[in-house]
C-alpha atoms as a PDB file:
ATOM      1  CA  MET A   1       0.000   0.000   0.000  1.00  0.00           C
ATOM      2  CA  PRO A   2       2.240   2.815  -1.255  1.00  0.00           C
ATOM      3  CA  PHE A   3       2.089   6.442  -0.143  1.00  0.00           C
ATOM      4  CA  VAL A   4       2.783   9.144  -2.709  1.00  0.00           C
ATOM      5  CA  THR A   5       2.816  12.913  -2.343  1.00  0.00           C
ATOM      6  CA  ALA A   6       0.423  14.723  -4.658  1.00  0.00           C
ATOM      7  CA  GLY A   7       2.215  17.228  -6.873  1.00  0.00           C
ATOM      8  CA  ASP A   8       5.887  16.410  -6.336  1.00  0.00           C
ATOM      9  CA  PRO A   9       7.433  17.150  -8.731  1.00  0.00           C
ATOM     10  CA  ASP A  10       4.059  17.783 -10.450  1.00  0.00           C
ATOM     11  CA  LEU A  11       0.621  16.216 -10.773  1.00  0.00           C
ATOM     12  CA  ASP A  12       1.369  14.673 -14.152  1.00  0.00           C
ATOM     13  CA  PHE A  13       4.189  12.621 -12.642  1.00  0.00           C
ATOM     14  CA  THR A  14       2.065  11.789  -9.584  1.00  0.00           C
ATOM     15  CA  GLN A  15      -0.554  10.392 -11.940  1.00  0.00           C
ATOM     16  CA  ARG A  16       2.045   8.314 -13.794  1.00  0.00           C
ATOM     17  CA  VAL A  17       3.414   6.905 -10.523  1.00  0.00           C
ATOM     18  CA  ILE A  18      -0.041   5.946  -9.265  1.00  0.00           C
ATOM     19  CA  ARG A  19      -0.854   4.263 -12.555  1.00  0.00           C
ATOM     20  CA  ARG A  20       2.416   2.300 -12.480  1.00  0.00           C
ATOM     21  CA  LEU A  21       1.846   1.176  -8.876  1.00  0.00           C
ATOM     22  CA  ALA A  22      -1.675   0.070  -9.763  1.00  0.00           C
ATOM     23  CA  GLU A  23      -0.334  -1.894 -12.717  1.00  0.00           C
ATOM     24  CA  ARG A  24       2.186  -3.541 -10.442  1.00  0.00           C
ATOM     25  CA  GLY A  25      -0.630  -4.885  -8.243  1.00  0.00           C
ATOM     26  CA  CYS A  26      -0.686  -2.645  -5.163  1.00  0.00           C
ATOM     27  CA  SER A  27      -3.861  -3.076  -3.113  1.00  0.00           C
ATOM     28  CA  LEU A  28      -4.463   0.570  -2.204  1.00  0.00           C
ATOM     29  CA  ILE A  29      -2.860   3.937  -2.948  1.00  0.00           C
ATOM     30  CA  GLU A  30      -2.432   6.481  -0.139  1.00  0.00           C
ATOM     31  CA  LEU A  31      -2.235  10.003  -1.553  1.00  0.00           C
ATOM     32  CA  GLY A  32      -0.690  12.696   0.619  1.00  0.00           C
ATOM     33  CA  ILE A  33      -2.305  16.142   0.348  1.00  0.00           C
ATOM     34  CA  PRO A  34       0.474  18.715   0.909  1.00  0.00           C
ATOM     35  CA  TYR A  35       0.130  20.850   4.009  1.00  0.00           C
ATOM     36  CA  SER A  36       2.421  23.493   5.480  1.00  0.00           C
ATOM     37  CA  ASP A  37       2.476  22.010   8.999  1.00  0.00           C
ATOM     38  CA  PRO A  38       2.544  18.195   8.743  1.00  0.00           C
ATOM     39  CA  VAL A  39       1.871  16.359  11.993  1.00  0.00           C
ATOM     40  CA  ALA A  40       3.527  12.957  11.747  1.00  0.00           C
ATOM     41  CA  ASP A  41       5.549  13.153   8.552  1.00  0.00           C
ATOM     42  CA  GLY A  42       9.318  12.775   8.589  1.00  0.00           C
ATOM     43  CA  PRO A  43      11.819  14.917   6.686  1.00  0.00           C
ATOM     44  CA  VAL A  44      11.445  13.158   3.328  1.00  0.00           C
ATOM     45  CA  ILE A  45       7.687  13.658   3.123  1.00  0.00           C
ATOM     46  CA  GLN A  46       7.869  17.129   4.690  1.00  0.00           C
ATOM     47  CA  ALA A  47      10.337  18.189   1.990  1.00  0.00           C
ATOM     48  CA  SER A  48       8.050  16.832  -0.728  1.00  0.00           C
ATOM     49  CA  TYR A  49       5.151  18.855   0.711  1.00  0.00           C
ATOM     50  CA  VAL A  50       7.271  22.021   0.687  1.00  0.00           C
ATOM     51  CA  ARG A  51       8.153  21.487  -2.971  1.00  0.00           C
ATOM     52  CA  ALA A  52       4.542  20.804  -3.954  1.00  0.00           C
ATOM     53  CA  LEU A  53       3.224  23.833  -2.050  1.00  0.00           C
ATOM     54  CA  ALA A  54       5.842  26.047  -3.680  1.00  0.00           C
ATOM     55  CA  LYS A  55       4.138  25.212  -6.979  1.00  0.00           C
ATOM     56  CA  LYS A  56       0.771  26.366  -5.617  1.00  0.00           C
ATOM     57  CA  ILE A  57      -0.842  22.923  -5.901  1.00  0.00           C
ATOM     58  CA  LYS A  58      -4.550  23.196  -5.073  1.00  0.00           C
ATOM     59  CA  LEU A  59      -6.888  20.587  -3.586  1.00  0.00           C
ATOM     60  CA  ALA A  60      -9.242  20.917  -6.566  1.00  0.00           C
ATOM     61  CA  GLU A  61      -6.373  20.109  -8.943  1.00  0.00           C
ATOM     62  CA  ILE A  62      -5.418  17.049  -6.922  1.00  0.00           C
ATOM     63  CA  LEU A  63      -8.984  15.722  -6.898  1.00  0.00           C
ATOM     64  CA  ALA A  64      -9.280  16.379 -10.634  1.00  0.00           C
ATOM     65  CA  MET A  65      -6.152  14.267 -11.172  1.00  0.00           C
ATOM     66  CA  VAL A  66      -7.643  11.457  -9.086  1.00  0.00           C
ATOM     67  CA  GLY A  67     -10.857  11.741 -11.065  1.00  0.00           C
ATOM     68  CA  ARG A  68      -8.976  11.243 -14.310  1.00  0.00           C
ATOM     69  CA  LEU A  69      -7.406   8.075 -12.950  1.00  0.00           C
ATOM     70  CA  THR A  70     -10.568   6.570 -11.483  1.00  0.00           C
ATOM     71  CA  SER A  71     -12.532   7.336 -14.653  1.00  0.00           C
ATOM     72  CA  GLU A  72     -10.231   5.384 -16.938  1.00  0.00           C
ATOM     73  CA  LYS A  73     -12.050   2.440 -18.443  1.00  0.00           C
ATOM     74  CA  GLU A  74      -9.259   0.261 -19.743  1.00  0.00           C
ATOM     75  CA  GLU A  75      -8.366  -2.739 -17.624  1.00  0.00           C
ATOM     76  CA  LEU A  76      -4.838  -3.084 -16.255  1.00  0.00           C
ATOM     77  CA  ALA A  77      -3.753  -6.603 -17.108  1.00  0.00           C
ATOM     78  CA  ARG A  78      -1.443  -6.920 -14.109  1.00  0.00           C
ATOM     79  CA  PHE A  79      -3.779  -5.484 -11.477  1.00  0.00           C
ATOM     80  CA  SER A  80      -4.949  -7.997  -8.868  1.00  0.00           C
ATOM     81  CA  PRO A  81      -6.930  -6.825  -5.807  1.00  0.00           C
ATOM     82  CA  GLY A  82      -5.366  -7.322  -2.396  1.00  0.00           C
ATOM     83  CA  LYS A  83      -6.703  -9.641   0.267  1.00  0.00           C
ATOM     84  CA  GLY A  84      -9.483  -8.777   2.704  1.00  0.00           C
ATOM     85  CA  SER A  85     -11.971  -5.977   2.226  1.00  0.00           C
ATOM     86  CA  ILE A  86      -9.420  -3.252   1.511  1.00  0.00           C
ATOM     87  CA  ALA A  87      -9.557  -3.680  -2.268  1.00  0.00           C
ATOM     88  CA  SER A  88     -13.343  -3.430  -2.215  1.00  0.00           C
ATOM     89  CA  MET A  89     -13.567  -0.172  -0.251  1.00  0.00           C
ATOM     90  CA  GLY A  90     -16.115   2.282  -1.593  1.00  0.00           C
ATOM     91  CA  SER A  91     -14.949   4.681  -4.276  1.00  0.00           C
ATOM     92  CA  GLY A  92     -17.420   7.512  -4.444  1.00  0.00           C
ATOM     93  CA  GLY A  93     -19.963   5.674  -6.543  1.00  0.00           C
ATOM     94  CA  LYS A  94     -17.360   4.524  -9.064  1.00  0.00           C
ATOM     95  CA  THR A  95     -16.456   0.878  -9.332  1.00  0.00           C
ATOM     96  CA  ALA A  96     -13.836  -0.351  -6.866  1.00  0.00           C
ATOM     97  CA  THR A  97     -13.096  -3.377  -9.027  1.00  0.00           C
ATOM     98  CA  GLY A  98     -12.116  -1.450 -12.156  1.00  0.00           C
ATOM     99  CA  PRO A  99      -8.657  -0.549 -13.318  1.00  0.00           C
ATOM    100  CA  PHE A 100      -7.440   1.030 -10.085  1.00  0.00           C
ATOM    101  CA  PRO A 101      -7.250  -0.063  -6.463  1.00  0.00           C
ATOM    102  CA  PRO A 102      -8.886   2.259  -3.912  1.00  0.00           C
ATOM    103  CA  ILE A 103      -7.248   5.648  -3.423  1.00  0.00           C
ATOM    104  CA  VAL A 104      -7.412   7.276   0.015  1.00  0.00           C
ATOM    105  CA  THR A 105      -6.184  10.738   0.924  1.00  0.00           C
ATOM    106  CA  MET A 106      -3.983  11.506   3.912  1.00  0.00           C
ATOM    107  CA  LEU A 107      -4.495  15.075   4.970  1.00  0.00           C
ATOM    108  CA  SER A 108      -4.662  17.513   7.862  1.00  0.00           C
ATOM    109  CA  TYR A 109      -8.054  18.211   9.383  1.00  0.00           C
ATOM    110  CA  ALA A 110      -7.359  21.903   8.752  1.00  0.00           C
ATOM    111  CA  ILE A 111      -7.841  21.210   5.037  1.00  0.00           C
ATOM    112  CA  VAL A 112     -11.086  19.329   5.659  1.00  0.00           C
ATOM    113  CA  PHE A 113     -12.334  22.071   7.993  1.00  0.00           C
ATOM    114  CA  ARG A 114     -11.479  24.883   5.593  1.00  0.00           C
ATOM    115  CA  HIS A 115     -13.157  23.060   2.713  1.00  0.00           C
ATOM    116  CA  GLY A 116     -16.098  22.039   4.900  1.00  0.00           C
ATOM    117  CA  PRO A 117     -16.411  18.392   6.037  1.00  0.00           C
ATOM    118  CA  GLU A 118     -19.607  17.727   4.072  1.00  0.00           C
ATOM    119  CA  GLN A 119     -18.180  19.367   0.967  1.00  0.00           C
ATOM    120  CA  TYR A 120     -14.811  17.626   1.260  1.00  0.00           C
ATOM    121  CA  VAL A 121     -16.410  14.191   1.446  1.00  0.00           C
ATOM    122  CA  ALA A 122     -18.726  15.030  -1.458  1.00  0.00           C
ATOM    123  CA  ASP A 123     -15.916  16.347  -3.658  1.00  0.00           C
ATOM    124  CA  ALA A 124     -13.570  13.489  -2.796  1.00  0.00           C
ATOM    125  CA  LYS A 125     -16.271  10.896  -3.531  1.00  0.00           C
ATOM    126  CA  ALA A 126     -17.064  12.573  -6.837  1.00  0.00           C
ATOM    127  CA  ALA A 127     -13.398  12.153  -7.791  1.00  0.00           C
ATOM    128  CA  GLY A 128     -13.480   8.464  -6.872  1.00  0.00           C
ATOM    129  CA  VAL A 129     -11.598   8.755  -3.573  1.00  0.00           C
ATOM    130  CA  ALA A 130     -12.483   5.901  -1.213  1.00  0.00           C
ATOM    131  CA  GLY A 131     -11.617   7.405   2.148  1.00  0.00           C
ATOM    132  CA  ALA A 132      -9.428   9.672   4.247  1.00  0.00           C
ATOM    133  CA  ILE A 133      -6.711   9.358   6.864  1.00  0.00           C
ATOM    134  CA  VAL A 134      -6.723  12.413   9.133  1.00  0.00           C
ATOM    135  CA  PRO A 135      -3.812  11.964  11.563  1.00  0.00           C
ATOM    136  CA  ASP A 136      -4.353  15.201  13.528  1.00  0.00           C
ATOM    137  CA  LEU A 137      -8.047  14.609  14.240  1.00  0.00           C
ATOM    138  CA  PRO A 138      -8.313  13.433  17.878  1.00  0.00           C
ATOM    139  CA  LEU A 139     -10.791  10.759  18.848  1.00  0.00           C
ATOM    140  CA  GLU A 140     -12.736  13.200  21.036  1.00  0.00           C
ATOM    141  CA  GLU A 141     -13.429  15.461  18.028  1.00  0.00           C
ATOM    142  CA  ALA A 142     -13.837  12.837  15.319  1.00  0.00           C
ATOM    143  CA  GLY A 143     -17.549  12.134  15.832  1.00  0.00           C
ATOM    144  CA  PRO A 144     -19.058  14.642  13.378  1.00  0.00           C
ATOM    145  CA  LEU A 145     -16.717  13.723  10.511  1.00  0.00           C
ATOM    146  CA  ALA A 146     -17.098  10.014  11.279  1.00  0.00           C
ATOM    147  CA  ALA A 147     -20.891  10.370  11.068  1.00  0.00           C
ATOM    148  CA  ILE A 148     -20.656  12.077   7.673  1.00  0.00           C
ATOM    149  CA  CYS A 149     -18.279   9.409   6.388  1.00  0.00           C
ATOM    150  CA  ARG A 150     -20.495   6.542   7.551  1.00  0.00           C
ATOM    151  CA  ARG A 151     -23.558   8.122   5.978  1.00  0.00           C
ATOM    152  CA  GLU A 152     -21.747   8.647   2.677  1.00  0.00           C
ATOM    153  CA  ASP A 153     -19.965   5.261   2.630  1.00  0.00           C
ATOM    154  CA  PHE A 154     -16.628   7.076   2.733  1.00  0.00           C
ATOM    155  CA  SER A 155     -13.986   5.455   4.910  1.00  0.00           C
ATOM    156  CA  LEU A 156     -12.450   7.358   7.832  1.00  0.00           C
ATOM    157  CA  ILE A 157      -9.230   5.533   8.640  1.00  0.00           C
ATOM    158  CA  GLN A 158      -7.914   6.189  12.145  1.00  0.00           C
ATOM    159  CA  LEU A 159      -4.422   5.683  13.545  1.00  0.00           C
ATOM    160  CA  ILE A 160      -3.481   3.558  16.554  1.00  0.00           C
ATOM    161  CA  THR A 161       0.068   3.732  17.893  1.00  0.00           C
ATOM    162  CA  PRO A 162       2.195   1.521  20.159  1.00  0.00           C
ATOM    163  CA  THR A 163       1.594   3.983  23.022  1.00  0.00           C
ATOM    164  CA  THR A 164      -2.181   4.228  22.586  1.00  0.00           C
ATOM    165  CA  PRO A 165      -3.833   2.929  25.802  1.00  0.00           C
ATOM    166  CA  ARG A 166      -5.823  -0.208  25.056  1.00  0.00           C
ATOM    167  CA  ASP A 167      -9.166   1.228  26.120  1.00  0.00           C
ATOM    168  CA  ARG A 168      -8.572   4.183  23.804  1.00  0.00           C
ATOM    169  CA  ALA A 169      -7.466   1.836  21.014  1.00  0.00           C
ATOM    170  CA  ARG A 170     -10.806   0.000  21.270  1.00  0.00           C
ATOM    171  CA  ARG A 171     -12.688   3.310  20.996  1.00  0.00           C
ATOM    172  CA  ILE A 172     -10.643   4.375  17.971  1.00  0.00           C
ATOM    173  CA  ALA A 173     -11.300   1.020  16.310  1.00  0.00           C
ATOM    174  CA  ALA A 174     -15.028   1.381  16.966  1.00  0.00           C
ATOM    175  CA  ILE A 175     -15.259   4.745  15.189  1.00  0.00           C
ATOM    176  CA  SER A 176     -13.017   3.741  12.267  1.00  0.00           C
ATOM    177  CA  THR A 177     -14.145   2.464   8.879  1.00  0.00           C
ATOM    178  CA  GLY A 178     -12.244   0.966   5.943  1.00  0.00           C
ATOM    179  CA  PHE A 179      -9.251  -0.293   7.895  1.00  0.00           C
ATOM    180  CA  ILE A 180      -7.153   0.430  10.970  1.00  0.00           C
ATOM    181  CA  TYR A 181      -3.832   2.190  10.387  1.00  0.00           C
ATOM    182  CA  TYR A 182      -1.436   0.742  12.963  1.00  0.00           C
ATOM    183  CA  VAL A 183       1.639   2.912  13.465  1.00  0.00           C
ATOM    184  CA  SER A 184       4.617   0.574  13.847  1.00  0.00           C
ATOM    185  CA  VAL A 185       6.848   3.020  15.749  1.00  0.00           C
ATOM    186  CA  THR A 186       6.408   6.107  17.881  1.00  0.00           C
ATOM    187  CA  GLY A 187       7.486   9.376  16.318  1.00  0.00           C
ATOM    188  CA  ILE A 188       7.416  10.422  12.667  1.00  0.00           C
ATOM    189  CA  THR A 189       7.498   8.637   9.340  1.00  0.00           C
ATOM    190  CA  GLY A 190      10.813   7.690   7.746  1.00  0.00           C
ATOM    191  CA  GLU A 191      12.911   4.770   6.640  1.00  0.00           C
ATOM    192  CA  ARG A 192      14.407   2.657   9.444  1.00  0.00           C
ATOM    193  CA  THR A 193      16.803  -0.248   9.631  1.00  0.00           C
ATOM    194  CA  ALA A 194      14.775  -2.213  12.185  1.00  0.00           C
ATOM    195  CA  LEU A 195      11.249  -2.289  13.614  1.00  0.00           C
ATOM    196  CA  PRO A 196      10.188  -2.863  17.251  1.00  0.00           C
ATOM    197  CA  PRO A 197       9.747  -6.566  18.035  1.00  0.00           C
ATOM    198  CA  GLN A 198       6.476  -5.986  19.928  1.00  0.00           C
ATOM    199  CA  ILE A 199       4.586  -5.051  16.742  1.00  0.00           C
ATOM    200  CA  VAL A 200       3.457  -8.620  16.110  1.00  0.00           C
ATOM    201  CA  ASP A 201       1.996  -9.010  19.614  1.00  0.00           C
ATOM    202  CA  ASN A 202       0.331  -5.579  19.518  1.00  0.00           C
ATOM    203  CA  VAL A 203      -1.336  -6.258  16.182  1.00  0.00           C
ATOM    204  CA  ALA A 204      -2.435  -9.724  17.330  1.00  0.00           C
ATOM    205  CA  TRP A 205      -4.203  -8.107  20.313  1.00  0.00           C
ATOM    206  CA  LEU A 206      -5.764  -5.415  18.134  1.00  0.00           C
ATOM    207  CA  ARG A 207      -7.110  -8.034  15.730  1.00  0.00           C
ATOM    208  CA  GLU A 208      -9.171  -9.456  18.599  1.00  0.00           C
ATOM    209  CA  GLN A 209     -10.814  -6.047  19.114  1.00  0.00           C
ATOM    210  CA  THR A 210     -12.044  -5.258  15.587  1.00  0.00           C
ATOM    211  CA  PRO A 211     -13.265  -6.979  12.422  1.00  0.00           C
ATOM    212  CA  LEU A 212     -11.581  -4.298  10.289  1.00  0.00           C
ATOM    213  CA  PRO A 213      -8.433  -5.065   8.304  1.00  0.00           C
ATOM    214  CA  ILE A 214      -5.259  -3.868  10.028  1.00  0.00           C
ATOM    215  CA  CYS A 215      -2.559  -2.190   7.977  1.00  0.00           C
ATOM    216  CA  ILE A 216       0.856  -1.306   9.329  1.00  0.00           C
ATOM    217  CA  GLY A 217       2.863   1.775   8.402  1.00  0.00           C
ATOM    218  CA  PHE A 218       5.699   4.121   9.502  1.00  0.00           C
ATOM    219  CA  GLY A 219       9.305   3.065   9.085  1.00  0.00           C
ATOM    220  CA  ILE A 220       8.707   0.172   6.690  1.00  0.00           C
ATOM    221  CA  SER A 221      11.081   0.279   3.746  1.00  0.00           C
ATOM    222  CA  ARG A 222      12.795  -3.077   3.286  1.00  0.00           C
ATOM    223  CA  PRO A 223      11.705  -6.519   2.052  1.00  0.00           C
ATOM    224  CA  GLU A 224      12.820  -8.010   5.376  1.00  0.00           C
ATOM    225  CA  HIS A 225      10.386  -5.688   7.199  1.00  0.00           C
ATOM    226  CA  VAL A 226       7.590  -6.888   4.942  1.00  0.00           C
ATOM    227  CA  ARG A 227       8.425 -10.556   5.490  1.00  0.00           C
ATOM    228  CA  VAL A 228       8.136 -10.087   9.279  1.00  0.00           C
ATOM    229  CA  LEU A 229       4.859  -8.164   9.161  1.00  0.00           C
ATOM    230  CA  ALA A 230       3.000  -9.806   6.272  1.00  0.00           C
ATOM    231  CA  PRO A 231       1.791 -12.802   8.329  1.00  0.00           C
ATOM    232  CA  VAL A 232      -0.013 -10.549  10.833  1.00  0.00           C
ATOM    233  CA  ALA A 233      -1.028  -7.579   8.655  1.00  0.00           C
ATOM    234  CA  ASP A 234      -3.726  -7.110   6.024  1.00  0.00           C
ATOM    235  CA  GLY A 235      -1.648  -4.402   4.389  1.00  0.00           C
ATOM    236  CA  ILE A 236       1.830  -2.886   4.536  1.00  0.00           C
ATOM    237  CA  ILE A 237       2.078   0.890   4.030  1.00  0.00           C
ATOM    238  CA  VAL A 238       5.324   2.237   2.586  1.00  0.00           C
ATOM    239  CA  GLY A 239       5.802   5.963   2.181  1.00  0.00           C
ATOM    240  CA  SER A 240       9.143   7.717   2.619  1.00  0.00           C
ATOM    241  CA  ALA A 241      11.094   5.233   0.501  1.00  0.00           C
ATOM    242  CA  ILE A 242       8.747   5.817  -2.446  1.00  0.00           C
ATOM    243  CA  VAL A 243       8.534   9.592  -1.964  1.00  0.00           C
ATOM    244  CA  ARG A 244      12.338   9.756  -1.894  1.00  0.00           C
ATOM    245  CA  ARG A 245      12.476   7.954  -5.213  1.00  0.00           C
ATOM    246  CA  MET A 246       9.823  10.231  -6.688  1.00  0.00           C
ATOM    247  CA  ALA A 247      11.907  13.268  -5.735  1.00  0.00           C
ATOM    248  CA  GLU A 248      14.664  12.011  -8.032  1.00  0.00           C
ATOM    249  CA  ALA A 249      12.469  12.909 -11.001  1.00  0.00           C
ATOM    250  CA  ALA A 250      13.733  16.460 -10.610  1.00  0.00           C
ATOM    251  CA  ALA A 251      17.202  15.349 -11.747  1.00  0.00           C
ATOM    252  CA  LYS A 252      16.766  12.007 -13.538  1.00  0.00           C
ATOM    253  CA  PRO A 253      14.747  10.980 -16.608  1.00  0.00           C
ATOM    254  CA  ARG A 254      11.201  10.324 -15.462  1.00  0.00           C
ATOM    255  CA  ASP A 255      10.950   6.957 -17.179  1.00  0.00           C
ATOM    256  CA  GLN A 256      14.024   5.834 -15.260  1.00  0.00           C
ATOM    257  CA  VAL A 257      12.496   6.957 -11.964  1.00  0.00           C
ATOM    258  CA  LEU A 258       9.267   5.124 -12.792  1.00  0.00           C
ATOM    259  CA  ASP A 259      11.235   1.962 -13.489  1.00  0.00           C
ATOM    260  CA  ASP A 260      13.097   2.339 -10.192  1.00  0.00           C
ATOM    261  CA  ILE A 261       9.797   2.700  -8.304  1.00  0.00           C
ATOM    262  CA  ASP A 262       8.373  -0.278 -10.200  1.00  0.00           C
ATOM    263  CA  THR A 263      11.354  -2.456  -9.256  1.00  0.00           C
ATOM    264  CA  TYR A 264      11.171  -1.375  -5.613  1.00  0.00           C
ATOM    265  CA  ALA A 265       7.424  -2.055  -5.380  1.00  0.00           C
ATOM    266  CA  THR A 266       7.913  -5.447  -7.024  1.00  0.00           C
ATOM    267  CA  ASP A 267      10.548  -6.393  -4.429  1.00  0.00           C
ATOM    268  CA  LEU A 268       8.150  -5.522  -1.584  1.00  0.00           C
ATOM    269  CA  LEU A 269       5.198  -7.310  -3.186  1.00  0.00           C
ATOM    270  CA  THR A 270       7.351 -10.391  -3.703  1.00  0.00           C
ATOM    271  CA  ALA A 271       8.368 -10.311  -0.031  1.00  0.00           C
ATOM    272  CA  MET A 272       4.690 -10.371   0.963  1.00  0.00           C
ATOM    273  CA  GLU A 273       4.213 -13.619  -0.941  1.00  0.00           C
ATOM    274  CA  LEU A 274       7.169 -15.458   0.618  1.00  0.00           C
END
C-alpha cells in the first residue's frame, strides 16, 4: 500500500506513478495532500510537501487528477486486488473493481475544515476517492466527521500507535471504517533499519478487538520488514522510501524513476508472498 505525495514534482508525474503502482498490483494507494504544517511526517515527506506547495498545488487540482485516474475504463492486465476488504472499499460511486485499487487521501483536518467536512467528502467521492486518513483529528473530536463518512460510505481511517492505551485503542477502532492504520513506531514517518519486536503481539491483540483489516505503516522500507509483518497484517504501508524515489524525477529521466519505483514495489510485493 504505497504512499505518494500529490504534486511532487508535479501532478502529471504523480498520476504516472499511481498508474504504475496500480499496474504492479498494489492493493491501495495512499495520496498525501500537501500541508504546510505536517503532523507525523518525517523529513522526506515534509520536503516533498514544501516542494509541492511552492508550486501552488490546489486541492481541486489534486482531486481532478484522481478523477482522471478513477474514470479510466481500460483494464490493467497486471492489477490484482489485495486480500481482505481493503480492495473493495467504496470509491465515491465509481467501481472499486475497475482498473485502479482504492485511493485514500492523507491530509490535515485543517484542510477538511477549511473546505467544509460535508463538501470535502462530497468532492472526494465525486473524484473516486475511497476514504481519508486524518492523523491530527483526535478521537474526542472525530464524531461529526465520522458520522458524515459513515452516511456517505466514505472510509475514515484512524491511527493507533504503540503507546495508545488499550481502552482508547478500542474506541478508535469502533469509530473507524475501511481499515485500521497501525503505526509501527512512535514518532514520525521515515525509513528505518529495524522495527520494534512488539509489533506482532500488539497487532495480534488489536485483531481481537475489531473486524476491520489492520494495515501497518511508519518506518517500513525493506523486504525483510515486509516478510516479518506480512503474516499478521492485512496491508503494509510504505511511504518515505517511495517519496524519496519520486523526488529524483527532478534530476533524472522520469521513465528511469518510474522503473526504479516499479522495481522497488515489485521487491516488496514479492516479499509479501514469501
